[in-house]
Amino acid sequence: MDRTERFYKIELLLRSRGCVSFAALREELDVSPATLKRDLQYLRDRLNAPIVYDAFDNGYRFDAAAARGERHELPGMWFSENEIHALLTMHQLLAGLDDDGVLSRHLQPMLERLQGMLGADAAESRELMRRIKVIGTARRRVPSRWFELLGSALVQRRRIWLRYFKRSDRRESEREVSPQRLVHYRGTWYLDAWCHASDGLRRFALDAVREAKLLETKAKNVPVRELEAALDAGYGIYGGGDTKVKWATLLFDADAAQWVASEEWHPQQKARHLADGRYELQVPYADATELTMDILRHGDSVTVAGDKALAAAIALRLKSALSRYA
């Protein structure tokens, strides 16, 4: 544990325990008496920490002013013990989205500092990490080199040249794009960007990027509201673009309703419970591809009401699936 970590650890112990003896501080920090005395003196004299010795309790604590809420904070990063635990938990959640360890690699210095502030050794850290588990299914892995390059372009507001594989026609194309936003959705990463070839906002799957280069040209900036209106208006990852948004009305049986009623299918969805126990869900969509897959996932527990084209598409898919098991 380096000196800075010791300073944060001392403050953490005093805040969490109230009054801590000299012996307890030494044991937690694993330092000599002389080193601990120097640390306490430095915190008082140079960093204005209101640490006092309480003769009655035979320990060190923050004085009454600190106890009244006039919070003293060390310069730079400061977190309470509960906040550190929450951050370590979030690190594990991020690791579940992090195929090649690109996020973990950049966050590792902060992670080590947080563990040092808690005084956790390697064994304790491993035990903590084992208490969080992220289960991902059908993930499409993204090469870390593209993730880092695109993240850098977003921060620097620079354009990117892409060689991109389009799955719909199974062809590759070259694009110059202005990155606007990275999106993680259902197990993979997407880039929302202004495409200068098609002169509009497009969404690119990072796992379909075949090659990418950072350009010196300044990126075109698209306001967030315009970005959301164009790409988030409809259902799923095929949310918008140039297609007009329609509304689908789905009726779920009572058994399925108890699950679906707790789900958010779209931020702008409309829903209500019906008198007979069914659940009515209305969602906007521009492209029916993903919505169709999610409706099929509920099998005979859901019906499409009002939208004849969508209902016909669902019926066709069901008939096609049935024919495979004839």
Protein backbone atom coordinates (compact mmCIF):
# COMPACT_ATOMS: atom_id res chain seq x y z
CA MET A 1 0.00 0.00 0.00
CA ASP A 2 1.55 3.32 -1.06
CA ARG A 3 1.39 6.57 0.87
CA THR A 4 -1.64 8.00 -0.91
CA GLU A 5 -3.59 4.77 -0.35
CA ARG A 6 -2.69 4.93 3.34
CA PHE A 7 -4.10 8.47 3.58
CA TYR A 8 -7.41 7.36 2.11
CA LYS A 9 -7.44 4.26 4.29
CA ILE A 10 -6.90 6.31 7.46
CA GLU A 11 -9.78 8.62 6.55
CA LEU A 12 -11.97 5.64 5.67
CA LEU A 13 -11.29 3.97 9.01
CA LEU A 14 -11.99 7.12 11.01
CA ARG A 15 -15.24 7.79 9.15
CA SER A 16 -16.52 4.23 9.40
CA ARG A 17 -15.45 3.44 12.99
CA GLY A 18 -15.57 6.84 14.64
CA CYS A 19 -12.58 6.39 16.92
CA VAL A 20 -9.63 4.11 16.11
CA SER A 21 -6.68 3.30 18.34
CA PHE A 22 -3.08 3.75 17.24
CA ALA A 23 -2.56 -0.02 17.43
CA ALA A 24 -5.63 -0.70 15.26
CA LEU A 25 -4.45 1.81 12.65
CA ARG A 26 -1.01 0.16 12.57
CA GLU A 27 -2.54 -3.27 12.14
CA GLU A 28 -4.82 -2.15 9.30
CA LEU A 29 -2.07 -0.25 7.46
CA ASP A 30 0.78 -2.67 8.26
CA VAL A 31 3.29 0.14 8.90
CA SER A 32 5.79 1.05 11.60
CA PRO A 33 4.84 3.43 14.45
CA ALA A 34 7.09 6.13 12.99
CA THR A 35 5.44 5.88 9.55
CA LEU A 36 1.95 6.09 11.04
CA LYS A 37 2.91 9.14 13.11
CA ARG A 38 4.26 10.86 9.99
CA ASP A 39 1.09 10.04 8.06
CA LEU A 40 -1.16 11.44 10.77
CA GLN A 41 0.97 14.57 11.06
CA TYR A 42 0.94 15.10 7.29
CA LEU A 43 -2.83 14.70 7.14
CA ARG A 44 -3.27 17.30 9.88
CA ASP A 45 -0.67 19.87 8.80
CA ARG A 46 -0.59 19.65 5.03
CA LEU A 47 -4.05 18.36 4.07
CA ASN A 48 -5.99 20.06 6.91
CA ALA A 49 -7.62 16.84 8.06
CA PRO A 50 -9.39 17.57 11.41
CA ILE A 51 -7.92 14.50 13.14
CA VAL A 52 -7.67 14.71 16.95
CA TYR A 53 -6.56 12.32 19.67
CA ASP A 54 -9.33 11.34 22.12
CA ALA A 55 -7.69 10.51 25.44
CA PHE A 56 -10.92 9.17 26.91
CA ASP A 57 -11.38 6.56 24.13
CA ASN A 58 -7.62 6.21 23.58
CA GLY A 59 -7.89 6.67 19.82
CA TYR A 60 -7.99 9.04 16.90
CA ARG A 61 -11.16 10.55 15.42
CA PHE A 62 -12.40 13.54 13.46
CA ASP A 63 -13.22 16.52 15.68
CA ALA A 64 -16.73 17.74 16.45
CA ALA A 65 -16.84 20.08 13.41
CA ALA A 66 -16.41 17.09 11.10
CA ALA A 67 -19.03 15.16 13.03
CA ARG A 68 -21.51 18.04 12.50
CA GLY A 69 -21.28 17.54 8.77
CA GLU A 70 -18.51 19.95 7.75
CA ARG A 71 -17.02 17.18 5.66
CA HIS A 72 -13.31 17.14 5.03
CA GLU A 73 -12.20 15.49 1.80
CA LEU A 74 -8.81 14.60 0.49
CA PRO A 75 -7.94 16.14 -2.88
CA GLY A 76 -8.75 13.99 -5.87
CA MET A 77 -10.72 10.76 -5.67
CA TRP A 78 -12.71 10.16 -2.49
CA PHE A 79 -15.30 7.48 -1.82
CA SER A 80 -16.96 6.02 1.26
CA GLU A 81 -16.62 2.31 2.02
CA ASN A 82 -20.10 1.60 0.63
CA GLU A 83 -19.29 3.59 -2.51
CA ILE A 84 -16.08 1.60 -3.00
CA HIS A 85 -17.99 -1.68 -2.72
CA ALA A 86 -20.52 -0.38 -5.26
CA LEU A 87 -17.75 0.66 -7.65
CA LEU A 88 -16.05 -2.73 -7.38
CA THR A 89 -19.41 -4.33 -8.13
CA MET A 90 -19.83 -2.10 -11.17
CA HIS A 91 -16.37 -3.13 -12.30
CA GLN A 92 -17.54 -6.73 -12.37
CA LEU A 93 -20.62 -5.76 -14.34
CA LEU A 94 -18.44 -3.95 -16.86
CA ALA A 95 -16.19 -6.99 -17.08
CA GLY A 96 -19.23 -8.97 -18.21
CA LEU A 97 -19.52 -6.65 -21.24
CA ASP A 98 -15.79 -6.65 -21.85
CA ASP A 99 -14.86 -9.42 -24.28
CA ASP A 100 -11.14 -8.76 -24.72
CA GLY A 101 -10.50 -7.00 -21.42
CA VAL A 102 -10.13 -3.55 -22.99
CA LEU A 103 -12.26 -1.82 -20.35
CA SER A 104 -10.71 -3.77 -17.47
CA ARG A 105 -7.21 -2.94 -18.67
CA HIS A 106 -7.87 0.80 -18.57
CA LEU A 107 -9.79 0.63 -15.29
CA GLN A 108 -7.24 -1.58 -13.52
CA PRO A 109 -5.23 1.29 -11.94
CA MET A 110 -8.41 2.70 -10.37
CA LEU A 111 -9.47 -0.78 -9.27
CA GLU A 112 -6.15 -1.35 -7.52
CA ARG A 113 -6.45 2.04 -5.78
CA LEU A 114 -9.94 1.20 -4.56
CA GLN A 115 -8.76 -2.16 -3.23
CA GLY A 116 -5.86 -0.40 -1.53
CA MET A 117 -8.25 2.04 0.16
CA LEU A 118 -10.21 -0.91 1.54
CA GLY A 119 -7.00 -2.65 2.55
CA ALA A 120 -8.09 -5.73 0.61
CA ASP A 121 -5.41 -8.24 -0.28
CA ALA A 122 -5.47 -10.38 -3.43
CA ALA A 123 -7.44 -13.18 -1.77
CA GLU A 124 -10.12 -10.80 -0.46
CA SER A 125 -10.38 -9.15 -3.87
CA ARG A 126 -10.89 -12.48 -5.61
CA GLU A 127 -13.56 -13.44 -3.08
CA LEU A 128 -15.39 -10.16 -3.64
CA MET A 129 -15.29 -10.57 -7.40
CA ARG A 130 -16.74 -14.09 -7.13
CA ARG A 131 -19.86 -12.64 -5.51
CA ILE A 132 -20.93 -10.92 -8.75
CA LYS A 133 -21.79 -12.93 -11.84
CA VAL A 134 -22.94 -11.64 -15.22
CA ILE A 135 -24.49 -14.26 -17.51
CA GLY A 136 -24.51 -13.35 -21.18
CA THR A 137 -26.00 -15.46 -23.94
CA ALA A 138 -25.46 -15.29 -27.70
CA ARG A 139 -22.84 -12.56 -27.35
CA ARG A 140 -21.20 -11.34 -30.53
CA ARG A 141 -17.59 -10.59 -29.68
CA VAL A 142 -15.98 -7.30 -30.72
CA PRO A 143 -12.20 -7.03 -31.33
CA SER A 144 -10.74 -4.71 -28.70
CA ARG A 145 -8.77 -2.74 -31.31
CA TRP A 146 -12.02 -1.44 -32.84
CA PHE A 147 -13.54 -0.65 -29.47
CA GLU A 148 -10.51 1.38 -28.40
CA LEU A 149 -10.22 3.18 -31.75
CA LEU A 150 -13.90 4.13 -31.82
CA GLY A 151 -13.86 5.21 -28.19
CA SER A 152 -10.89 7.45 -28.90
CA ALA A 153 -12.61 8.93 -31.96
CA LEU A 154 -15.71 9.72 -29.89
CA VAL A 155 -13.68 11.63 -27.30
CA GLN A 156 -11.50 13.42 -29.87
CA ARG A 157 -14.52 14.16 -32.13
CA ARG A 158 -12.77 12.83 -35.25
CA ARG A 159 -14.06 10.92 -38.25
CA ILE A 160 -13.39 7.26 -38.96
CA TRP A 161 -12.98 5.32 -42.19
CA LEU A 162 -14.70 1.93 -42.06
CA ARG A 163 -14.73 -1.17 -44.19
CA TYR A 164 -18.03 -2.66 -43.13
CA PHE A 165 -19.80 -5.97 -43.78
CA LYS A 166 -23.53 -5.51 -44.31
CA ARG A 167 -25.35 -8.71 -43.39
CA SER A 168 -28.56 -7.93 -45.28
CA ASP A 169 -26.88 -8.26 -48.70
CA ARG A 170 -23.66 -9.96 -47.50
CA ARG A 171 -21.45 -7.33 -49.08
CA GLU A 172 -18.65 -5.09 -47.85
CA SER A 173 -18.62 -1.34 -48.32
CA GLU A 174 -16.34 1.54 -47.40
CA ARG A 175 -17.72 4.41 -45.33
CA GLU A 176 -16.50 7.63 -43.77
CA VAL A 177 -18.45 8.27 -40.59
CA SER A 178 -18.64 10.74 -37.71
CA PRO A 179 -19.07 8.72 -34.46
CA GLN A 180 -21.84 9.97 -32.17
CA ARG A 181 -22.50 7.26 -29.58
CA LEU A 182 -21.52 3.72 -28.51
CA VAL A 183 -24.45 1.47 -27.63
CA HIS A 184 -24.36 -1.92 -25.88
CA TYR A 185 -27.47 -3.91 -26.73
CA ARG A 186 -28.32 -7.57 -26.23
CA GLY A 187 -24.79 -8.85 -25.97
CA THR A 188 -22.92 -6.74 -28.49
CA TRP A 189 -21.73 -3.20 -29.23
CA TYR A 190 -23.00 -0.79 -31.87
CA LEU A 191 -21.78 2.55 -33.14
CA ASP A 192 -24.30 5.28 -33.88
CA ALA A 193 -22.70 7.57 -36.45
CA TRP A 194 -23.36 10.08 -39.19
CA CYS A 195 -22.58 8.33 -42.48
CA HIS A 196 -21.16 10.83 -44.97
CA ALA A 197 -21.75 8.44 -47.89
CA SER A 198 -25.51 8.15 -47.30
CA ASP A 199 -25.75 11.59 -45.64
CA GLY A 200 -27.68 10.36 -42.63
CA LEU A 201 -27.54 8.69 -39.23
CA ARG A 202 -26.77 4.98 -39.28
CA ARG A 203 -26.11 2.24 -36.71
CA PHE A 204 -23.13 -0.08 -37.25
CA ALA A 205 -22.52 -3.38 -35.44
CA LEU A 206 -18.91 -3.40 -34.22
CA ASP A 207 -18.54 -7.12 -34.84
CA ALA A 208 -19.23 -6.43 -38.56
CA VAL A 209 -16.37 -3.91 -38.85
CA ARG A 210 -13.66 -5.45 -41.02
CA GLU A 211 -11.23 -2.54 -40.89
CA ALA A 212 -11.15 0.92 -39.30
CA LYS A 213 -8.85 3.94 -39.41
CA LEU A 214 -8.88 7.16 -37.42
CA LEU A 215 -8.96 10.22 -39.70
CA GLU A 216 -7.71 13.74 -39.03
CA THR A 217 -10.97 15.29 -40.25
CA LYS A 218 -13.19 16.79 -37.58
CA ALA A 219 -16.39 14.81 -36.96
CA LYS A 220 -19.82 16.21 -37.75
CA ASN A 221 -21.70 16.78 -34.49
CA VAL A 222 -25.34 15.69 -34.24
CA PRO A 223 -27.39 16.98 -31.25
CA VAL A 224 -28.39 14.23 -28.84
CA ARG A 225 -32.10 14.94 -29.27
CA GLU A 226 -31.81 14.57 -33.03
CA LEU A 227 -29.83 11.35 -32.55
CA GLU A 228 -32.44 9.88 -30.21
CA ALA A 229 -35.33 10.94 -32.43
CA ALA A 230 -33.75 9.27 -35.46
CA LEU A 231 -32.42 6.03 -33.94
CA ASP A 232 -34.37 5.43 -30.71
CA ALA A 233 -37.91 6.17 -31.91
CA GLY A 234 -38.80 2.59 -32.85
CA TYR A 235 -38.40 -0.84 -31.32
CA GLY A 236 -35.00 -2.45 -30.82
CA ILE A 237 -31.77 -1.94 -32.69
CA TYR A 238 -33.68 -1.27 -35.94
CA GLY A 239 -35.30 1.65 -34.20
CA GLY A 240 -35.52 4.38 -36.78
CA GLY A 241 -33.56 5.74 -39.67
CA ASP A 242 -35.57 6.81 -42.68
CA THR A 243 -38.53 4.46 -42.02
CA LYS A 244 -41.80 5.82 -40.69
CA VAL A 245 -42.58 4.70 -37.13
CA LYS A 246 -45.79 2.69 -36.56
CA TRP A 247 -47.39 1.33 -33.39
CA ALA A 248 -48.00 -2.32 -32.59
CA THR A 249 -50.62 -3.45 -30.08
CA LEU A 250 -49.87 -6.77 -28.36
CA LEU A 251 -52.32 -8.68 -26.14
CA PHE A 252 -50.72 -11.07 -23.63
CA ASP A 253 -52.63 -13.84 -21.86
CA ALA A 254 -53.00 -13.58 -18.09
CA ASP A 255 -50.20 -16.09 -17.37
CA ALA A 256 -47.71 -14.18 -19.52
CA ALA A 257 -48.96 -10.82 -18.24
CA GLN A 258 -47.40 -11.27 -14.82
CA TRP A 259 -43.96 -11.35 -16.47
CA VAL A 260 -44.38 -8.92 -19.34
CA ALA A 261 -45.94 -6.25 -17.14
CA SER A 262 -42.58 -5.88 -15.38
CA GLU A 263 -40.62 -5.49 -18.62
CA GLU A 264 -39.77 -2.36 -20.57
CA TRP A 265 -39.90 -3.08 -24.27
CA HIS A 266 -39.50 0.57 -25.27
CA PRO A 267 -39.12 3.84 -23.28
CA GLN A 268 -42.26 5.25 -24.94
CA GLN A 269 -44.42 2.15 -24.58
CA LYS A 270 -48.05 2.36 -23.46
CA ALA A 271 -49.54 -0.42 -21.38
CA ARG A 272 -52.58 -1.36 -19.30
CA HIS A 273 -54.08 -4.36 -17.52
CA LEU A 274 -57.42 -5.49 -18.93
CA ALA A 275 -60.39 -6.57 -16.84
CA ASP A 276 -60.09 -10.22 -17.93
CA GLY A 277 -56.47 -10.43 -16.68
CA ARG A 278 -54.79 -9.89 -20.03
CA TYR A 279 -52.13 -7.24 -20.58
CA GLU A 280 -52.15 -4.80 -23.48
CA LEU A 281 -48.78 -3.44 -24.61
CA GLN A 282 -48.29 -0.84 -27.33
CA VAL A 283 -44.80 -0.23 -28.73
CA PRO A 284 -43.52 1.91 -31.62
CA TYR A 285 -41.53 0.20 -34.37
CA ALA A 286 -39.98 1.16 -37.69
CA ASP A 287 -38.60 -2.21 -38.77
CA ALA A 288 -40.54 -5.29 -37.65
CA THR A 289 -37.54 -7.68 -37.68
CA GLU A 290 -36.66 -7.61 -33.99
CA LEU A 291 -40.21 -7.03 -32.78
CA THR A 292 -41.31 -10.13 -34.69
CA MET A 293 -38.62 -12.23 -32.99
CA ASP A 294 -39.71 -11.06 -29.54
CA ILE A 295 -43.38 -11.70 -30.27
CA LEU A 296 -42.52 -15.22 -31.46
CA ARG A 297 -40.60 -15.76 -28.24
CA HIS A 298 -43.93 -15.66 -26.37
CA GLY A 299 -45.50 -18.28 -28.62
CA ASP A 300 -49.24 -18.81 -28.09
CA SER A 301 -49.37 -16.41 -25.12
CA VAL A 302 -49.61 -13.27 -27.29
CA THR A 303 -51.60 -11.99 -30.26
CA VAL A 304 -51.15 -8.92 -32.46
CA ALA A 305 -54.22 -6.66 -32.58
CA GLY A 306 -55.05 -4.14 -35.28
CA ASP A 307 -51.83 -4.33 -37.33
CA LYS A 308 -52.79 -6.71 -40.16
CA ALA A 309 -49.38 -6.58 -41.85
CA LEU A 310 -47.51 -7.45 -38.65
CA ALA A 311 -50.03 -10.18 -37.74
CA ALA A 312 -49.68 -11.70 -41.21
CA ALA A 313 -45.87 -11.68 -40.90
CA ILE A 314 -46.11 -13.46 -37.54
CA ALA A 315 -48.53 -16.04 -38.97
CA LEU A 316 -46.22 -16.69 -41.92
CA ARG A 317 -43.25 -17.25 -39.63
CA LEU A 318 -45.27 -19.65 -37.45
CA LYS A 319 -46.45 -21.63 -40.46
CA SER A 320 -42.91 -21.81 -41.82
CA ALA A 321 -41.61 -23.01 -38.45
CA LEU A 322 -44.39 -25.60 -38.18
CA SER A 323 -43.61 -26.98 -41.64
CA ARG A 324 -40.10 -27.86 -40.45
CA TYR A 325 -41.58 -30.20 -37.83
CA ALA A 326 -44.26 -31.77 -40.03
